[in-house]
């Protein structure tokens, strides 16, 4: 995997790229005999203003190597190309993956060489499969796998420094939630292990084809400059899973299986400075880190 991107970035996002409108999206879909499927979470963005806003909100640098997951017919791809040095698109659908370079050549001829398309499942893609080391993730993610995809990419691609993803609104709430929130849970803590996350605005339903029956939102994140701890995620994440598996239980009870007994769970919690009668949703990621450190002798 090369560190050095190719191509010449443009200073004006949207320049030299003819974006797709609703008629273009339907024409491409008909040409390919593509019917959006719920199984793959496919809802294609067909509004040029929306993809421009997404690119602007991503705050990309001219030298960024952008990773786009699930580019579909290329609506967001075309808006991203002028805003970065190079773009790596990971698409699981081989028909869509095969058409994307041609779409870029037709609608952004001066930038098409900056696009690389990898036919792969983003849940399993490895750094070795990518032609460049991505620095930014910008994507309209399939809603059924949004959180696992983001966590996998952060774990697999240490070069990834920032991200802006479009997900189901409720998922966005969970990803960006803090301790004490009703929607704070496993996704909130695991993402916080890697990065600072924030909600970055709502997205209307009408910008998609087909129109989804859920609201959407943007979530932005910035990876931490230094890890919170040298405790591996393989130790921390099972602890987090156990803490939220039965939300109504106190941590002493919820972590009894994870620690081996309720008494051992209480010992570790006290040693970490955490109240055994607290519940998982009251703990920040740094609290979970301290419990994991006590458990591993760090």
Protein backbone atom coordinates (compact mmCIF):
# COMPACT_ATOMS: atom_id res chain seq x y z
CA UNK A 1 0.00 0.00 0.00
CA UNK A 2 1.51 3.27 -1.14
CA UNK A 3 1.69 6.23 1.21
CA UNK A 4 1.94 8.77 -1.58
CA UNK A 5 -1.31 9.64 -3.37
CA UNK A 6 -1.34 10.51 -7.01
CA UNK A 7 -3.06 13.28 -8.90
CA UNK A 8 -3.44 17.01 -8.57
CA UNK A 9 -6.10 18.21 -6.11
CA UNK A 10 -8.49 21.00 -7.05
CA UNK A 11 -9.07 23.91 -4.68
CA UNK A 12 -12.77 24.26 -5.52
CA UNK A 13 -14.83 21.22 -4.43
CA UNK A 14 -17.21 20.46 -7.27
CA UNK A 15 -15.02 22.01 -9.95
CA UNK A 16 -14.21 19.82 -12.96
CA UNK A 17 -16.86 17.32 -11.88
CA UNK A 18 -20.41 17.15 -13.26
CA UNK A 19 -22.53 15.89 -10.36
CA UNK A 20 -25.39 13.43 -10.70
CA UNK A 21 -28.98 14.61 -10.47
CA UNK A 22 -32.14 12.49 -10.01
CA UNK A 23 -32.50 11.76 -13.73
CA UNK A 24 -28.84 10.74 -13.99
CA UNK A 25 -29.13 8.36 -11.05
CA UNK A 26 -32.20 6.65 -12.51
CA UNK A 27 -30.61 6.45 -15.96
CA UNK A 28 -27.47 4.80 -14.55
CA UNK A 29 -29.53 2.39 -12.45
CA UNK A 30 -31.60 1.42 -15.51
CA UNK A 31 -28.46 0.98 -17.63
CA UNK A 32 -27.01 -1.41 -15.06
CA UNK A 33 -30.35 -3.05 -14.23
CA UNK A 34 -29.66 -2.13 -10.61
CA UNK A 35 -32.53 -2.18 -8.15
CA UNK A 36 -31.60 -0.81 -4.71
CA UNK A 37 -31.85 -3.60 -2.15
CA UNK A 38 -32.62 -3.46 1.56
CA UNK A 39 -30.17 -6.34 2.09
CA UNK A 40 -27.25 -4.13 1.08
CA UNK A 41 -28.79 -1.03 2.65
CA UNK A 42 -28.78 0.75 -0.69
CA UNK A 43 -30.31 4.22 -0.86
CA UNK A 44 -28.67 6.33 -3.55
CA UNK A 45 -28.21 10.07 -2.99
CA UNK A 46 -29.45 12.00 -6.01
CA UNK A 47 -29.24 15.59 -4.77
CA UNK A 48 -26.11 17.55 -5.82
CA UNK A 49 -26.49 20.11 -3.04
CA UNK A 50 -26.44 17.36 -0.42
CA UNK A 51 -23.17 15.82 -1.63
CA UNK A 52 -21.62 19.30 -1.83
CA UNK A 53 -22.61 19.89 1.81
CA UNK A 54 -21.17 16.53 2.86
CA UNK A 55 -17.84 17.30 1.19
CA UNK A 56 -17.74 20.77 2.75
CA UNK A 57 -18.55 19.36 6.21
CA UNK A 58 -15.75 16.80 5.88
CA UNK A 59 -13.15 19.62 6.02
CA UNK A 60 -10.79 17.77 3.72
CA UNK A 61 -7.22 18.89 3.08
CA UNK A 62 -5.89 19.05 -0.49
CA UNK A 63 -3.44 16.25 0.32
CA UNK A 64 -6.02 13.90 1.86
CA UNK A 65 -6.47 10.38 0.58
CA UNK A 66 -10.19 9.76 0.98
CA UNK A 67 -11.76 6.37 1.56
CA UNK A 68 -15.37 6.11 0.37
CA UNK A 69 -17.36 3.03 1.35
CA UNK A 70 -20.34 2.03 -0.76
CA UNK A 71 -20.03 4.62 -3.54
CA UNK A 72 -22.96 3.10 -5.40
CA UNK A 73 -23.61 5.00 -8.62
CA UNK A 74 -21.06 7.70 -7.79
CA UNK A 75 -23.01 10.73 -6.53
CA UNK A 76 -20.70 11.43 -3.60
CA UNK A 77 -17.65 10.13 -5.47
CA UNK A 78 -17.93 12.88 -8.08
CA UNK A 79 -18.19 15.55 -5.40
CA UNK A 80 -15.19 14.17 -3.49
CA UNK A 81 -12.77 13.90 -6.41
CA UNK A 82 -12.02 17.65 -6.69
CA UNK A 83 -11.54 17.99 -2.92
CA UNK A 84 -8.71 15.52 -2.30
CA UNK A 85 -5.45 14.19 -3.72
CA UNK A 86 -6.86 10.75 -4.40
CA UNK A 87 -9.96 8.71 -3.68
CA UNK A 88 -10.21 5.01 -2.88
CA UNK A 89 -13.74 3.64 -3.26
CA UNK A 90 -14.62 0.28 -1.70
CA UNK A 91 -17.74 -1.25 -3.28
CA UNK A 92 -19.12 -4.72 -2.54
CA UNK A 93 -21.38 -4.84 -5.63
CA UNK A 94 -19.24 -5.88 -8.62
CA UNK A 95 -21.63 -4.30 -11.15
CA UNK A 96 -21.48 -0.92 -9.42
CA UNK A 97 -17.72 -1.21 -8.88
CA UNK A 98 -17.13 -1.91 -12.57
CA UNK A 99 -19.18 1.10 -13.72
CA UNK A 100 -17.72 3.70 -11.33
CA UNK A 101 -14.44 4.43 -13.18
CA UNK A 102 -16.39 5.03 -16.40
CA UNK A 103 -18.75 7.41 -14.61
CA UNK A 104 -15.75 9.34 -13.29
CA UNK A 105 -14.17 9.44 -16.75
CA UNK A 106 -17.40 10.75 -18.28
CA UNK A 107 -18.22 13.36 -15.66
CA UNK A 108 -14.83 14.30 -14.18
CA UNK A 109 -12.34 13.52 -16.97
CA UNK A 110 -9.49 15.59 -15.53
CA UNK A 111 -9.79 13.84 -12.15
CA UNK A 112 -10.71 10.28 -13.10
CA UNK A 113 -7.12 9.07 -12.76
CA UNK A 114 -7.25 9.99 -9.05
CA UNK A 115 -9.93 7.34 -8.42
CA UNK A 116 -9.16 3.75 -7.40
CA UNK A 117 -12.00 1.26 -7.02
CA UNK A 118 -11.62 -1.82 -4.83
CA UNK A 119 -14.30 -4.51 -5.08
CA UNK A 120 -14.53 -5.74 -1.51
CA UNK A 121 -16.66 -5.97 1.61
CA UNK A 122 -15.84 -2.97 3.82
CA UNK A 123 -16.43 -5.17 6.88
CA UNK A 124 -13.47 -7.32 5.85
CA UNK A 125 -11.28 -5.12 3.68
CA UNK A 126 -7.63 -4.97 4.71
CA UNK A 127 -5.00 -2.27 4.43
CA UNK A 128 -3.09 -4.47 1.98
CA UNK A 129 -6.02 -4.37 -0.47
CA UNK A 130 -5.94 -0.58 -0.76
CA UNK A 131 -3.60 1.20 -3.19
CA UNK A 132 -2.98 4.14 -0.84
CA UNK A 133 -3.17 4.68 2.93
CA UNK A 134 -6.42 6.61 3.52
CA UNK A 135 -6.37 9.66 5.78
CA UNK A 136 -10.10 10.47 5.75
CA UNK A 137 -13.29 8.40 5.58
CA UNK A 138 -16.27 10.04 3.85
CA UNK A 139 -19.21 7.79 3.08
CA UNK A 140 -22.93 7.21 2.90
CA UNK A 141 -22.84 3.97 4.87
CA UNK A 142 -25.32 1.10 4.60
CA UNK A 143 -27.34 1.60 7.76
CA UNK A 144 -27.40 -2.05 8.83
CA UNK A 145 -23.60 -2.24 9.15
CA UNK A 146 -22.58 1.38 9.79
CA UNK A 147 -21.06 0.97 13.26
CA UNK A 148 -19.16 -2.28 12.60
CA UNK A 149 -17.75 -0.81 9.36
CA UNK A 150 -16.46 2.33 11.09
CA UNK A 151 -14.93 0.34 13.96
CA UNK A 152 -13.31 -2.14 11.57
CA UNK A 153 -11.80 0.61 9.44
CA UNK A 154 -10.42 2.48 12.45
CA UNK A 155 -8.82 -0.73 13.71
CA UNK A 156 -7.47 -1.81 10.31
CA UNK A 157 -6.30 1.57 8.99
CA UNK A 158 -4.14 3.50 11.49
CA UNK A 159 -3.58 6.15 8.80
CA UNK A 160 -7.27 7.13 9.02
CA UNK A 161 -7.33 10.41 10.95
CA UNK A 162 -10.79 11.87 10.32
CA UNK A 163 -14.20 10.79 9.11
CA UNK A 164 -17.64 12.00 8.15
CA UNK A 165 -20.29 9.35 7.61
CA UNK A 166 -23.99 9.46 6.84
CA UNK A 167 -25.97 6.97 8.90
CA UNK A 168 -29.47 6.46 10.29
CA UNK A 169 -30.31 9.32 12.64
CA UNK A 170 -30.73 7.04 15.67
CA UNK A 171 -27.38 5.41 14.96
CA UNK A 172 -25.78 8.87 14.72
CA UNK A 173 -27.19 9.65 18.17
CA UNK A 174 -25.70 6.46 19.61
CA UNK A 175 -22.31 6.96 17.97
CA UNK A 176 -21.93 10.50 19.31
CA UNK A 177 -23.63 10.06 22.71
CA UNK A 178 -21.90 10.75 26.01
CA UNK A 179 -22.26 9.10 29.45
CA UNK A 180 -25.67 9.53 31.03
CA UNK A 181 -27.56 9.73 27.75
CA UNK A 182 -30.38 7.23 27.19
CA UNK A 183 -28.81 6.23 23.87
CA UNK A 184 -25.25 5.95 25.21
CA UNK A 185 -24.04 2.41 24.83
CA UNK A 186 -21.61 0.01 23.18
CA UNK A 187 -21.20 1.97 19.89
CA UNK A 188 -20.61 5.20 21.84
CA UNK A 189 -17.84 3.72 23.99
CA UNK A 190 -16.10 1.76 21.25
CA UNK A 191 -15.99 4.73 18.89
CA UNK A 192 -14.78 6.95 21.76
CA UNK A 193 -11.89 4.49 22.27
CA UNK A 194 -10.55 5.53 18.88
CA UNK A 195 -11.84 9.04 18.32
CA UNK A 196 -13.81 12.08 19.38
CA UNK A 197 -17.21 11.89 17.67
CA UNK A 198 -19.89 14.48 17.05
CA UNK A 199 -23.21 14.81 15.27
CA UNK A 200 -22.66 16.97 12.20
CA UNK A 201 -26.22 17.69 11.07
CA UNK A 202 -29.40 16.06 9.74
CA UNK A 203 -30.02 14.83 6.19
CA UNK A 204 -33.53 14.94 4.68
CA UNK A 205 -35.20 11.80 3.35
CA UNK A 206 -36.04 13.31 -0.04
CA UNK A 207 -32.39 13.41 -1.18
CA UNK A 208 -32.37 9.60 -1.53
CA UNK A 209 -33.68 7.18 -4.10
CA UNK A 210 -35.55 5.21 -3.04
CA UNK A 211 -36.79 7.40 -0.20
CA UNK A 212 -35.92 5.61 3.07
CA UNK A 213 -38.44 5.25 5.89
CA UNK A 214 -35.93 6.53 8.45
CA UNK A 215 -34.21 9.85 9.02
CA UNK A 216 -30.49 10.24 8.38
CA UNK A 217 -27.71 12.28 9.94
CA UNK A 218 -24.00 12.96 9.62
CA UNK A 219 -21.46 11.90 12.22
CA UNK A 220 -17.95 13.32 12.21
CA UNK A 221 -14.99 11.96 14.12
CA UNK A 222 -11.33 12.78 14.70
CA UNK A 223 -8.94 10.04 15.78
CA UNK A 224 -7.10 10.63 19.04
CA UNK A 225 -3.49 11.74 18.61
CA UNK A 226 -2.42 9.26 21.26
CA UNK A 227 -4.26 6.11 22.41
CA UNK A 228 -6.12 6.29 25.70
CA UNK A 229 -4.18 3.28 26.95
CA UNK A 230 -1.93 0.47 25.80
CA UNK A 231 -4.60 -2.02 26.88
CA UNK A 232 -5.62 -3.79 23.64
CA UNK A 233 -9.16 -3.43 22.35
CA UNK A 234 -9.43 -7.24 22.56
CA UNK A 235 -9.47 -6.74 26.33
CA UNK A 236 -11.51 -3.55 26.49
CA UNK A 237 -14.31 -4.37 24.04
CA UNK A 238 -15.58 -7.57 25.75
CA UNK A 239 -15.70 -5.57 29.00
CA UNK A 240 -17.83 -2.91 27.32
CA UNK A 241 -20.10 -5.56 25.79
CA UNK A 242 -20.63 -7.16 29.21
CA UNK A 243 -21.35 -3.84 30.92
CA UNK A 244 -24.21 -3.06 28.54
CA UNK A 245 -25.56 -6.56 27.96
CA UNK A 246 -28.09 -6.05 30.75
CA UNK A 247 -28.40 -2.31 31.16
CA UNK A 248 -30.55 -2.42 34.30
CA UNK A 249 -28.01 -4.40 36.28
CA UNK A 250 -25.33 -2.79 38.41
CA UNK A 251 -21.81 -3.20 37.15
CA UNK A 252 -21.06 -5.63 39.99
CA UNK A 253 -23.74 -7.95 38.62
CA UNK A 254 -23.31 -7.19 34.92
CA UNK A 255 -19.58 -7.90 35.01
CA UNK A 256 -19.76 -11.02 37.16
CA UNK A 257 -19.53 -13.37 34.19
CA UNK A 258 -16.77 -11.34 32.58
CA UNK A 259 -14.70 -11.20 35.80
CA UNK A 260 -15.48 -14.74 36.96
CA UNK A 261 -17.66 -13.79 39.92
CA UNK A 262 -19.54 -10.83 41.36
CA UNK A 263 -16.96 -10.54 44.14
CA UNK A 264 -14.10 -10.37 41.63
CA UNK A 265 -16.02 -7.82 39.55
CA UNK A 266 -16.47 -5.68 42.65
CA UNK A 267 -12.78 -5.96 43.51
CA UNK A 268 -11.74 -4.77 40.07
CA UNK A 269 -14.27 -1.95 40.04
CA UNK A 270 -13.16 -0.65 43.43
CA UNK A 271 -9.52 -0.89 42.41
CA UNK A 272 -10.34 1.17 39.31
CA UNK A 273 -12.14 3.82 41.36
CA UNK A 274 -15.56 2.90 39.96
CA UNK A 275 -18.68 2.48 42.13
CA UNK A 276 -19.79 -1.18 41.86
CA UNK A 277 -23.43 -0.07 42.15
CA UNK A 278 -23.14 2.18 39.07
CA UNK A 279 -24.47 1.14 35.68
CA UNK A 280 -22.67 0.98 32.37
CA UNK A 281 -24.30 4.08 30.91
CA UNK A 282 -22.78 6.20 33.69
CA UNK A 283 -19.18 5.37 32.75
CA UNK A 284 -16.99 7.26 30.30
CA UNK A 285 -14.58 5.39 28.08
CA UNK A 286 -11.75 6.38 30.44
CA UNK A 287 -13.57 4.56 33.28
CA UNK A 288 -13.75 1.40 31.21
CA UNK A 289 -10.07 1.79 30.40
CA UNK A 290 -9.18 1.89 34.11
CA UNK A 291 -11.20 -1.27 34.78
CA UNK A 292 -9.45 -3.01 31.88
CA UNK A 293 -6.05 -1.86 33.16
CA UNK A 294 -6.75 -3.24 36.64
CA UNK A 295 -7.85 -6.53 35.05
CA UNK A 296 -4.66 -6.87 33.03
CA UNK A 297 -2.22 -5.61 35.65
CA UNK A 298 -1.31 -2.41 33.75
